[in-house]
Amino acid sequence: TIINLYNNLETKLKSYQVVNPSYFFILQLYDIRVYVFSLRNDNDKIISVSKRLEVEAINREYYTDLLAYKLETNKINALLSLKRYDDAVNQLSEKLLSLKFSDFNLTKAKTLEFKTYILGKKYELAYNVAEWCYKNKSIAKYPSKYQLWTINYFYMRFLLAADGQIDPKELRLGKFMNEVPLYSKDKRGFNVSVLICQMLFFLIKKKFNPFIDRMDALRQYSFRYLKSDDTLRSNCFIKMLLKLPDVGFHPVRAQAHVKKEYKKLKSSEYPVDQNLTTIEVIPYEELWRIILELMAKQKNVA
């Protein structure tokens, strides 16, 4: 297996009696160990080995920003996997945010910062990150990354509107769709976040007829492109959305009507992996809670 292969490689590397190992040697050994621990889902070990290397690097005076970025990223991702969200937010504030980055690492660091705040339910901080990236000219040079931040920014604006902090009229679907052409046209399952954005737009503005009109297309998309294990959560969530018209967009009836799909959703893990979270911007369980609260407010207003 891959784990055995890397275990053997680690053992072989450690067997060399290196008196003064080079920076490259130490880093390669660290990367191998982190990879093995991640395959084992042993996040506590990732944190401990990262802390040990940090101390060693400081003592040997090769603790650079680049190494610090690697260590902090691994520690924070491990904390998120362990659901230690407050610790991840603290770790983020303590070390990662003080580092200087190249344009490439900046986008990766901002993605991790955004994800940490989302999982820690620090939505105001998440909004600040999304807005900063959305308006940042250096990120705008990379269309695919910029459009991901446009999607993140829309989700954060939706949260503000659902919480009553901004007028829903400030959400403009046409402008949003024009700004994410790469993802709105994708047909491999990666534009789920855009499709869900459309449905959120209709919900927040109480445009229930357009919501219903989009249902067949959304159902067909789910059937064609959301069949793998990696897309299980998106498949469940879309099925939940599609049941809203059946209950007249009533929050209490909706909860009862989606028990099967919600149970399946809860039984699957939110993908902390950085690439997968570009699809599921806000964990679907949390987004569903926000939608139910939104519909409850709308019913009370009505």
Protein backbone atom coordinates (compact mmCIF):
# COMPACT_ATOMS: atom_id res chain seq x y z
CA THR A 1 0.00 0.00 0.00
CA ILE A 2 0.95 3.66 -0.28
CA ILE A 3 1.22 3.93 3.50
CA ASN A 4 3.67 1.00 3.67
CA LEU A 5 5.69 2.44 0.81
CA TYR A 6 6.07 5.78 2.57
CA ASN A 7 6.71 4.11 5.91
CA ASN A 8 9.59 2.17 4.35
CA LEU A 9 10.94 5.33 2.73
CA GLU A 10 10.79 7.19 6.04
CA THR A 11 12.59 4.32 7.82
CA LYS A 12 15.29 4.26 5.17
CA LEU A 13 15.83 8.03 5.39
CA LYS A 14 16.01 7.93 9.18
CA SER A 15 18.51 5.07 9.05
CA TYR A 16 21.12 7.35 7.52
CA GLN A 17 23.36 8.57 10.32
CA VAL A 18 23.28 12.22 9.30
CA VAL A 19 25.14 14.33 11.85
CA ASN A 20 24.12 17.68 10.39
CA PRO A 21 21.17 16.98 8.09
CA SER A 22 20.54 19.56 5.41
CA TYR A 23 17.47 21.72 5.31
CA PHE A 24 16.33 19.82 2.21
CA PHE A 25 16.76 16.43 3.95
CA ILE A 26 14.78 17.52 7.01
CA LEU A 27 12.03 19.02 4.90
CA GLN A 28 11.66 15.91 2.73
CA LEU A 29 11.44 13.71 5.81
CA TYR A 30 8.82 16.03 7.30
CA ASP A 31 6.73 16.01 4.11
CA ILE A 32 6.79 12.20 4.01
CA ARG A 33 5.71 11.92 7.65
CA VAL A 34 2.88 14.43 7.22
CA TYR A 35 1.67 12.59 4.13
CA VAL A 36 1.64 9.24 5.96
CA PHE A 37 -0.16 10.75 8.96
CA SER A 38 -2.75 12.34 6.67
CA LEU A 39 -3.39 8.97 5.00
CA ARG A 40 -3.92 7.49 8.47
CA ASN A 41 -6.08 10.47 9.40
CA ASP A 42 -3.76 10.96 12.39
CA ASN A 43 -4.08 14.73 12.72
CA ASP A 44 -2.67 14.87 16.25
CA LYS A 45 0.62 13.50 14.90
CA ILE A 46 0.65 16.12 12.14
CA ILE A 47 0.36 18.85 14.78
CA SER A 48 3.07 17.37 17.02
CA VAL A 49 5.61 16.74 14.23
CA SER A 50 5.00 20.27 12.90
CA LYS A 51 5.62 21.77 16.33
CA ARG A 52 8.85 19.77 16.73
CA LEU A 53 10.17 20.93 13.37
CA GLU A 54 9.28 24.52 14.23
CA VAL A 55 11.41 24.37 17.40
CA GLU A 56 14.26 22.68 15.54
CA ALA A 57 14.13 25.19 12.70
CA ILE A 58 14.22 28.14 15.10
CA ASN A 59 17.17 26.62 17.01
CA ARG A 60 19.09 25.93 13.80
CA GLU A 61 18.18 29.34 12.37
CA TYR A 62 16.45 28.20 9.19
CA TYR A 63 12.92 29.18 10.20
CA THR A 64 11.89 31.09 7.08
CA ASP A 65 8.49 32.48 6.15
CA LEU A 66 8.18 29.74 3.53
CA LEU A 67 8.77 26.98 6.10
CA ALA A 68 6.49 28.75 8.61
CA TYR A 69 3.76 28.84 5.95
CA LYS A 70 4.05 25.09 5.40
CA LEU A 71 4.03 24.28 9.13
CA GLU A 72 1.15 26.61 9.99
CA THR A 73 -0.95 25.42 7.05
CA ASN A 74 -0.52 21.79 8.11
CA LYS A 75 -1.34 22.56 11.75
CA ILE A 76 -4.45 24.55 10.91
CA ASN A 77 -5.79 21.96 8.47
CA ALA A 78 -5.21 19.27 11.10
CA LEU A 79 -7.08 21.31 13.72
CA LEU A 80 -9.97 21.79 11.30
CA SER A 81 -10.08 18.05 10.62
CA LEU A 82 -10.24 17.49 14.38
CA LYS A 83 -13.13 20.01 14.54
CA ARG A 84 -11.08 22.16 16.92
CA TYR A 85 -12.31 25.29 15.20
CA ASP A 86 -11.55 27.80 17.94
CA ASP A 87 -7.98 26.49 18.18
CA ALA A 88 -7.65 26.77 14.39
CA VAL A 89 -8.83 30.41 14.48
CA ASN A 90 -6.35 31.17 17.27
CA GLN A 91 -3.50 29.44 15.41
CA LEU A 92 -4.39 31.40 12.31
CA SER A 93 -4.28 34.73 14.12
CA GLU A 94 -1.14 33.87 16.05
CA LYS A 95 1.17 32.89 13.19
CA LEU A 96 -0.14 32.59 9.66
CA LEU A 97 -1.56 36.09 9.26
CA SER A 98 1.77 37.67 10.19
CA LEU A 99 3.66 36.05 7.29
CA LYS A 100 4.53 37.63 3.96
CA PHE A 101 3.44 35.76 0.83
CA SER A 102 4.02 35.59 -2.88
CA ASP A 103 0.89 36.07 -5.01
CA PHE A 104 0.55 32.28 -5.34
CA ASN A 105 0.82 31.53 -1.62
CA LEU A 106 -1.31 34.56 -0.80
CA THR A 107 -4.37 33.05 -2.52
CA LYS A 108 -3.78 29.71 -0.78
CA ALA A 109 -3.34 31.38 2.60
CA LYS A 110 -6.47 33.49 2.11
CA THR A 111 -8.43 30.37 1.15
CA LEU A 112 -7.34 28.68 4.36
CA GLU A 113 -8.14 31.82 6.36
CA PHE A 114 -11.60 32.03 4.81
CA LYS A 115 -12.30 28.34 5.40
CA THR A 116 -11.15 28.56 9.03
CA TYR A 117 -13.49 31.48 9.73
CA ILE A 118 -16.38 29.72 7.97
CA LEU A 119 -15.97 26.54 10.00
CA GLY A 120 -15.48 28.58 13.17
CA LYS A 121 -18.67 30.51 12.28
CA LYS A 122 -16.80 33.79 12.35
CA TYR A 123 -18.85 35.08 9.44
CA GLU A 124 -17.94 38.74 9.78
CA LEU A 125 -14.25 37.86 9.51
CA ALA A 126 -14.99 35.51 6.60
CA TYR A 127 -16.83 38.32 4.85
CA ASN A 128 -13.84 40.64 5.30
CA VAL A 129 -11.53 38.07 3.71
CA ALA A 130 -13.90 37.43 0.79
CA GLU A 131 -14.39 41.15 0.15
CA TRP A 132 -10.65 41.84 0.29
CA CYS A 133 -9.89 39.05 -2.21
CA TYR A 134 -12.80 40.04 -4.45
CA LYS A 135 -11.42 43.57 -4.71
CA ASN A 136 -7.72 42.63 -4.83
CA LYS A 137 -6.01 43.42 -8.14
CA SER A 138 -3.23 40.86 -7.71
CA ILE A 139 -5.78 38.03 -7.37
CA ALA A 140 -7.77 39.40 -10.32
CA LYS A 141 -4.80 38.48 -12.54
CA TYR A 142 -5.73 34.81 -12.10
CA PRO A 143 -9.27 34.37 -13.55
CA SER A 144 -10.09 30.97 -12.04
CA LYS A 145 -8.97 31.99 -8.54
CA TYR A 146 -10.66 35.38 -8.81
CA GLN A 147 -13.95 33.81 -9.86
CA LEU A 148 -13.81 31.47 -6.87
CA TRP A 149 -13.51 34.53 -4.64
CA THR A 150 -16.44 36.10 -6.48
CA ILE A 151 -18.50 33.04 -5.53
CA ASN A 152 -17.31 33.23 -1.92
CA TYR A 153 -18.17 36.93 -1.83
CA PHE A 154 -21.71 36.26 -3.10
CA TYR A 155 -22.27 33.67 -0.37
CA MET A 156 -21.12 36.15 2.26
CA ARG A 157 -23.41 38.82 0.83
CA PHE A 158 -26.27 36.32 0.98
CA LEU A 159 -25.53 35.73 4.69
CA LEU A 160 -25.65 39.49 5.32
CA ALA A 161 -28.97 39.76 3.50
CA ALA A 162 -30.42 36.75 5.34
CA ASP A 163 -29.37 38.37 8.62
CA GLY A 164 -31.01 41.66 7.66
CA GLN A 165 -27.72 43.60 7.48
CA ILE A 166 -28.13 44.54 3.82
CA ASP A 167 -31.12 44.89 1.52
CA PRO A 168 -31.63 41.80 -0.70
CA LYS A 169 -31.95 44.25 -3.60
CA GLU A 170 -28.18 44.67 -3.36
CA LEU A 171 -27.76 41.09 -4.59
CA ARG A 172 -27.69 41.19 -8.38
CA LEU A 173 -27.78 37.76 -9.98
CA GLY A 174 -27.03 38.97 -13.52
CA LYS A 175 -23.87 40.76 -12.42
CA PHE A 176 -22.76 37.72 -10.42
CA MET A 177 -23.28 35.30 -13.35
CA ASN A 178 -21.34 37.59 -15.69
CA GLU A 179 -18.41 37.58 -13.26
CA VAL A 180 -18.09 33.77 -13.03
CA PRO A 181 -18.16 32.55 -16.66
CA LEU A 182 -15.65 29.74 -16.07
CA TYR A 183 -17.72 28.17 -13.30
CA SER A 184 -21.19 28.92 -14.61
CA LYS A 185 -20.38 27.01 -17.82
CA ASP A 186 -18.58 24.08 -16.22
CA LYS A 187 -20.27 20.69 -16.67
CA ARG A 188 -18.18 18.45 -14.43
CA GLY A 189 -19.81 19.08 -11.09
CA PHE A 190 -17.64 22.05 -10.11
CA ASN A 191 -20.28 24.70 -10.69
CA VAL A 192 -22.61 23.35 -7.99
CA SER A 193 -21.79 26.41 -5.89
CA VAL A 194 -22.98 28.68 -8.73
CA LEU A 195 -26.22 26.73 -9.21
CA ILE A 196 -26.92 26.89 -5.48
CA CYS A 197 -26.18 30.64 -5.55
CA GLN A 198 -28.97 31.05 -8.09
CA MET A 199 -31.43 29.23 -5.84
CA LEU A 200 -30.34 31.28 -2.81
CA PHE A 201 -30.89 34.44 -4.84
CA PHE A 202 -34.46 33.40 -5.65
CA LEU A 203 -35.13 32.46 -2.01
CA ILE A 204 -33.81 35.69 -0.48
CA LYS A 205 -35.89 37.75 -2.93
CA LYS A 206 -38.95 35.50 -2.57
CA LYS A 207 -38.94 34.84 -6.31
CA PHE A 208 -40.54 31.43 -5.94
CA ASN A 209 -41.71 31.04 -9.56
CA PRO A 210 -38.16 31.38 -10.98
CA PHE A 211 -37.02 28.98 -8.23
CA ILE A 212 -39.56 26.41 -9.44
CA ASP A 213 -38.66 27.07 -13.09
CA ARG A 214 -35.02 26.15 -12.36
CA MET A 215 -35.89 22.87 -10.66
CA ASP A 216 -35.93 20.59 -13.72
CA ALA A 217 -32.54 21.85 -14.90
CA LEU A 218 -31.11 21.42 -11.40
CA ARG A 219 -32.57 17.93 -11.10
CA GLN A 220 -31.08 16.91 -14.47
CA TYR A 221 -27.71 18.38 -13.54
CA SER A 222 -27.67 16.45 -10.27
CA PHE A 223 -28.58 13.21 -12.06
CA ARG A 224 -25.83 13.63 -14.66
CA TYR A 225 -22.91 15.06 -12.73
CA LEU A 226 -23.36 14.35 -9.02
CA LYS A 227 -23.10 10.56 -8.91
CA SER A 228 -19.70 9.97 -7.27
CA ASP A 229 -18.88 9.71 -3.57
CA ASP A 230 -17.12 13.08 -3.79
CA THR A 231 -20.39 14.76 -4.77
CA LEU A 232 -22.68 12.91 -2.35
CA ARG A 233 -23.13 15.93 -0.10
CA SER A 234 -24.00 18.23 -3.01
CA ASN A 235 -26.46 15.65 -4.31
CA CYS A 236 -28.20 15.44 -0.92
CA PHE A 237 -28.37 19.21 -0.52
CA ILE A 238 -29.83 19.78 -3.97
CA LYS A 239 -32.50 17.15 -3.28
CA MET A 240 -33.35 19.07 -0.11
CA LEU A 241 -33.66 22.33 -2.05
CA LEU A 242 -35.86 20.68 -4.65
CA LYS A 243 -38.37 19.68 -1.97
CA LEU A 244 -39.00 23.24 -0.80
CA PRO A 245 -41.82 23.97 -3.29
CA ASP A 246 -43.58 20.75 -2.18
CA VAL A 247 -43.99 22.21 1.32
CA GLY A 248 -44.81 25.73 0.19
CA PHE A 249 -41.40 27.00 1.34
CA HIS A 250 -42.51 26.41 4.94
CA PRO A 251 -39.52 25.84 7.30
CA VAL A 252 -41.18 23.41 9.73
CA ARG A 253 -42.67 21.24 7.01
CA ALA A 254 -39.37 21.39 5.13
CA GLN A 255 -37.49 19.93 8.11
CA ALA A 256 -39.88 17.00 8.27
CA HIS A 257 -39.83 16.49 4.50
CA VAL A 258 -36.06 16.15 4.09
CA LYS A 259 -35.23 13.87 7.03
CA LYS A 260 -33.85 11.10 4.82
CA GLU A 261 -31.58 13.40 2.80
CA TYR A 262 -30.50 15.36 5.87
CA LYS A 263 -29.55 12.18 7.73
CA LYS A 264 -27.44 11.06 4.78
CA LEU A 265 -25.84 14.49 4.62
CA LYS A 266 -24.99 14.45 8.33
CA SER A 267 -23.46 10.98 8.04
CA SER A 268 -20.90 12.24 5.52
CA GLU A 269 -17.92 14.37 6.47
CA TYR A 270 -17.51 17.95 5.30
CA PRO A 271 -14.42 17.92 3.05
CA VAL A 272 -11.73 19.92 4.81
CA ASP A 273 -9.52 19.28 1.76
CA GLN A 274 -8.86 22.70 0.25
CA ASN A 275 -9.81 21.76 -3.32
CA LEU A 276 -13.15 20.26 -2.40
CA THR A 277 -14.25 23.19 -0.29
CA THR A 278 -14.34 25.35 -3.40
CA ILE A 279 -17.53 23.43 -4.21
CA GLU A 280 -19.13 23.58 -0.76
CA VAL A 281 -18.46 27.14 0.34
CA ILE A 282 -20.52 26.89 3.55
CA PRO A 283 -21.10 23.43 5.06
CA TYR A 284 -24.48 22.34 3.77
CA GLU A 285 -25.80 21.58 7.24
CA GLU A 286 -25.13 25.17 8.28
CA LEU A 287 -26.46 26.59 5.01
CA TRP A 288 -29.65 24.59 5.46
CA ARG A 289 -30.08 26.03 8.97
CA ILE A 290 -29.70 29.54 7.54
CA ILE A 291 -32.26 28.81 4.81
CA LEU A 292 -34.77 27.54 7.37
CA GLU A 293 -34.30 30.67 9.47
CA LEU A 294 -34.72 32.83 6.38
CA MET A 295 -37.97 31.12 5.41
CA ALA A 296 -39.23 31.44 8.98
CA LYS A 297 -38.61 35.21 8.88
CA GLN A 298 -40.35 35.46 5.54
CA LYS A 299 -43.38 33.58 6.84
CA ASN A 300 -43.54 35.84 9.88
CA VAL A 301 -43.31 38.92 7.70
CA ALA A 302 -45.99 37.55 5.39
